[in-house]
Amino acid sequence: MHDPHQAFFDLLAAEWDLMFTAEDLELLSHIVDQLDVQPGHDVVDLGCGTGILFDMMRRKVGSDGSVTGVDFSLQMVLKAHRNFPFSNVTVVDGDVLALPFCDDSFDLGVAFAAFPHFSDKQLAVDEVHRVLKDGAKFYIIHLTSSKELSAIHHRIGGVVANDEIPPEDGLIRIFHNSKFTDVTIADHPGLYLATAITAK
């Protein structure tokens, strides 16, 4: 079934980068510095949009690593491809609910400003678990709290009106159902950061 979110984000692609201020990018860079991204890592960026994380991540993984972005908005993917024509960056037009990758392909997964828009969050996390290696970390990142994010989406309305991050106990349950362990969640004004570790 076609997800109406695709058309919504296709329309936003041209102006997407303008939504992030210099302060946002500085904060995001600081957050990425705290993540367990190592030289040589193969990273998958889920719901990558126009590639906001790509430059930060590709510098950390270096020439021996890679960053693979996935988004179901073709216009976002095309812009990300134009923005980051680097040998260690790949962008794929695909759906997180059916990732086009082999099992155990990546050392780290991240979803920045994307997770609330996944229509089946349990299936999405199942798929992330499948493509991550044993012991790999998965991060969900937003530059707002879950409460702030819900209010923003409600104000925008339309297809994103009810897009939200599950309550803490609900997200923990989703992670545990998908065999992730060591779940930690920071949720306060200006930041949402959930971390979980893959167990095979």
Protein backbone atom coordinates (compact mmCIF):
# COMPACT_ATOMS: atom_id res chain seq x y z
CA MET A 1 0.00 0.00 0.00
CA HIS A 2 1.30 3.46 -0.89
CA ASP A 3 2.29 5.54 2.12
CA PRO A 4 1.01 9.13 1.81
CA HIS A 5 4.11 10.27 3.68
CA GLN A 6 6.11 9.77 0.48
CA ALA A 7 4.31 12.54 -1.41
CA PHE A 8 4.46 14.79 1.66
CA PHE A 9 8.24 14.51 1.92
CA ASP A 10 8.76 14.68 -1.85
CA LEU A 11 7.19 18.15 -1.73
CA LEU A 12 9.43 19.21 1.17
CA ALA A 13 12.71 17.98 -0.32
CA ALA A 14 13.68 21.20 -2.12
CA GLU A 15 13.48 23.28 1.08
CA TRP A 16 14.34 20.59 3.65
CA ASP A 17 17.90 21.73 4.36
CA LEU A 18 16.66 25.24 5.19
CA MET A 19 14.75 23.86 8.18
CA PHE A 20 18.00 23.28 10.06
CA THR A 21 19.74 26.33 11.51
CA ALA A 22 23.47 26.67 12.10
CA GLU A 23 22.73 26.11 15.80
CA ASP A 24 20.83 22.90 14.97
CA LEU A 25 23.76 21.58 12.94
CA GLU A 26 26.24 22.49 15.66
CA LEU A 27 24.14 20.64 18.25
CA LEU A 28 23.75 17.67 15.92
CA SER A 29 27.49 17.54 15.33
CA HIS A 30 28.03 17.51 19.09
CA ILE A 31 25.55 14.62 19.44
CA VAL A 32 27.23 12.65 16.65
CA ASP A 33 30.57 13.15 18.41
CA GLN A 34 29.11 11.28 21.40
CA LEU A 35 27.96 8.29 19.33
CA ASP A 36 30.01 5.14 19.02
CA VAL A 37 31.03 5.73 15.39
CA GLN A 38 34.43 4.24 14.60
CA PRO A 39 36.80 4.44 11.60
CA GLY A 40 35.92 1.62 9.22
CA HIS A 41 32.32 1.33 10.39
CA ASP A 42 29.56 0.73 7.85
CA VAL A 43 26.68 2.97 8.96
CA VAL A 44 23.05 2.87 7.81
CA ASP A 45 21.06 6.12 8.08
CA LEU A 46 17.34 5.31 8.11
CA GLY A 47 14.97 7.94 6.77
CA CYS A 48 18.05 9.90 5.76
CA GLY A 49 16.20 12.71 4.01
CA THR A 50 18.65 14.96 2.16
CA GLY A 51 21.61 13.57 4.08
CA ILE A 52 21.89 15.94 7.04
CA LEU A 53 24.06 13.39 8.89
CA PHE A 54 26.13 12.23 5.93
CA ASP A 55 29.09 14.61 6.15
CA MET A 56 29.42 14.18 9.92
CA MET A 57 29.26 10.40 9.65
CA ARG A 58 31.49 9.95 6.59
CA ARG A 59 34.29 11.91 8.22
CA LYS A 60 34.11 9.64 11.27
CA VAL A 61 34.07 6.32 9.38
CA GLY A 62 36.79 7.44 6.98
CA SER A 63 37.74 5.95 3.62
CA ASP A 64 37.61 2.39 5.01
CA GLY A 65 34.02 2.81 6.20
CA SER A 66 30.78 3.76 4.51
CA VAL A 67 27.52 5.61 5.06
CA THR A 68 24.38 4.24 3.39
CA GLY A 69 21.28 6.38 3.50
CA VAL A 70 17.77 5.00 2.94
CA ASP A 71 14.63 7.02 2.29
CA PHE A 72 11.31 6.26 0.61
CA SER A 73 11.03 9.82 -0.71
CA LEU A 74 12.67 9.76 -4.14
CA GLN A 75 13.07 13.54 -4.16
CA MET A 76 14.90 13.43 -0.82
CA VAL A 77 17.15 10.65 -2.14
CA LEU A 78 17.97 12.53 -5.34
CA LYS A 79 18.89 15.66 -3.40
CA ALA A 80 21.00 13.67 -0.93
CA HIS A 81 22.83 12.08 -3.86
CA ARG A 82 23.54 15.51 -5.37
CA ASN A 83 24.61 16.96 -2.02
CA PHE A 84 27.09 14.23 -1.12
CA PRO A 85 28.84 12.73 -4.18
CA PHE A 86 31.48 10.94 -2.11
CA SER A 87 32.91 7.46 -2.66
CA ASN A 88 32.02 6.32 0.86
CA VAL A 89 28.40 7.58 0.71
CA THR A 90 25.54 5.68 -0.95
CA VAL A 91 21.88 6.68 -1.06
CA VAL A 92 19.09 4.17 -1.67
CA ASP A 93 15.45 4.79 -2.54
CA GLY A 94 13.90 2.23 -0.20
CA ASP A 95 11.54 1.62 2.68
CA VAL A 96 12.73 0.95 6.21
CA LEU A 97 9.92 -1.61 6.50
CA ALA A 98 11.64 -3.75 3.84
CA LEU A 99 15.31 -2.79 3.81
CA PRO A 100 17.11 -3.86 0.61
CA PHE A 101 20.17 -5.18 2.46
CA CYS A 102 21.53 -8.54 3.55
CA ASP A 103 21.43 -9.63 7.19
CA ASP A 104 24.27 -8.41 9.42
CA SER A 105 25.45 -5.75 6.95
CA PHE A 106 26.09 -2.73 9.19
CA ASP A 107 28.08 -1.78 12.29
CA LEU A 108 25.75 1.02 13.37
CA GLY A 109 22.28 2.34 12.59
CA VAL A 110 20.80 5.78 13.09
CA ALA A 111 17.42 7.43 12.50
CA PHE A 112 17.53 11.22 12.72
CA ALA A 113 14.23 13.15 12.57
CA ALA A 114 12.58 10.13 10.97
CA PHE A 115 11.35 7.49 13.43
CA PRO A 116 7.86 8.99 14.11
CA HIS A 117 7.10 8.77 10.39
CA PHE A 118 7.69 5.02 10.13
CA SER A 119 4.18 3.58 9.67
CA ASP A 120 4.94 0.28 11.44
CA LYS A 121 7.54 0.99 14.10
CA GLN A 122 7.82 -2.62 15.29
CA LEU A 123 8.48 -3.86 11.76
CA ALA A 124 10.96 -1.03 11.18
CA VAL A 125 12.93 -1.94 14.30
CA ASP A 126 12.77 -5.63 13.34
CA GLU A 127 14.31 -4.73 9.99
CA VAL A 128 17.00 -2.59 11.61
CA HIS A 129 17.88 -5.49 13.89
CA ARG A 130 18.12 -7.82 10.89
CA VAL A 131 20.60 -5.66 8.95
CA LEU A 132 22.77 -4.72 11.95
CA LYS A 133 25.61 -6.92 13.14
CA ASP A 134 25.59 -8.49 16.58
CA GLY A 135 26.47 -5.89 19.19
CA ALA A 136 25.79 -2.97 16.84
CA LYS A 137 24.17 0.15 18.24
CA PHE A 138 21.03 1.82 16.93
CA TYR A 139 20.28 5.47 17.71
CA ILE A 140 17.06 7.47 17.38
CA ILE A 141 17.81 11.21 17.43
CA HIS A 142 15.67 14.35 17.49
CA LEU A 143 16.56 17.93 18.35
CA THR A 144 13.38 18.22 20.42
CA SER A 145 11.75 16.25 23.20
CA SER A 146 9.08 13.71 22.28
CA LYS A 147 6.44 16.06 23.68
CA GLU A 148 7.73 19.02 21.65
CA LEU A 149 7.86 16.86 18.53
CA SER A 150 4.27 15.69 18.91
CA ALA A 151 3.13 19.31 19.25
CA ILE A 152 5.04 20.31 16.10
CA HIS A 153 3.54 17.50 14.06
CA HIS A 154 0.05 18.23 15.37
CA ARG A 155 0.47 21.87 14.39
CA ILE A 156 1.63 20.93 10.87
CA GLY A 157 -1.34 18.60 10.51
CA GLY A 158 -2.09 16.45 7.49
CA VAL A 159 -0.32 13.11 7.18
CA VAL A 160 2.12 13.90 10.03
CA ALA A 161 -0.50 15.15 12.52
CA ASN A 162 -0.35 11.97 14.60
CA ASP A 163 3.28 11.00 13.98
CA GLU A 164 5.01 10.65 17.32
CA ILE A 165 7.65 8.73 19.21
CA PRO A 166 6.05 5.96 21.29
CA PRO A 167 5.97 6.49 25.08
CA GLU A 168 9.13 5.31 26.80
CA ASP A 169 7.68 1.98 27.95
CA GLY A 170 6.23 1.37 24.49
CA LEU A 171 9.55 2.03 22.73
CA ILE A 172 11.40 -0.19 25.21
CA ARG A 173 8.89 -2.94 24.48
CA ILE A 174 9.41 -2.53 20.71
CA PHE A 175 13.18 -2.79 21.16
CA HIS A 176 12.93 -5.85 23.38
CA ASN A 177 10.51 -7.53 20.95
CA SER A 178 13.16 -7.07 18.26
CA LYS A 179 15.91 -8.51 20.50
CA PHE A 180 17.67 -5.23 21.23
CA THR A 181 19.20 -4.85 24.69
CA ASP A 182 20.60 -2.10 26.92
CA VAL A 183 17.97 0.45 25.91
CA THR A 184 18.57 3.99 27.19
CA ILE A 185 16.36 6.99 26.51
CA ALA A 186 17.08 10.68 27.09
CA ASP A 187 13.97 12.80 26.55
CA HIS A 188 14.05 16.46 27.56
CA PRO A 189 13.53 19.87 25.92
CA GLY A 190 15.88 20.21 22.96
CA LEU A 191 16.89 16.55 22.73
CA TYR A 192 15.57 13.04 22.25
CA LEU A 193 18.15 10.28 22.10
CA ALA A 194 17.34 6.59 22.32
CA THR A 195 20.09 3.98 22.16
CA ALA A 196 19.82 0.20 21.91
CA ILE A 197 22.27 -2.62 21.21
CA THR A 198 21.66 -5.48 18.80
CA ALA A 199 21.64 -8.98 20.27
CA LYS A 200 21.58 -11.92 17.84
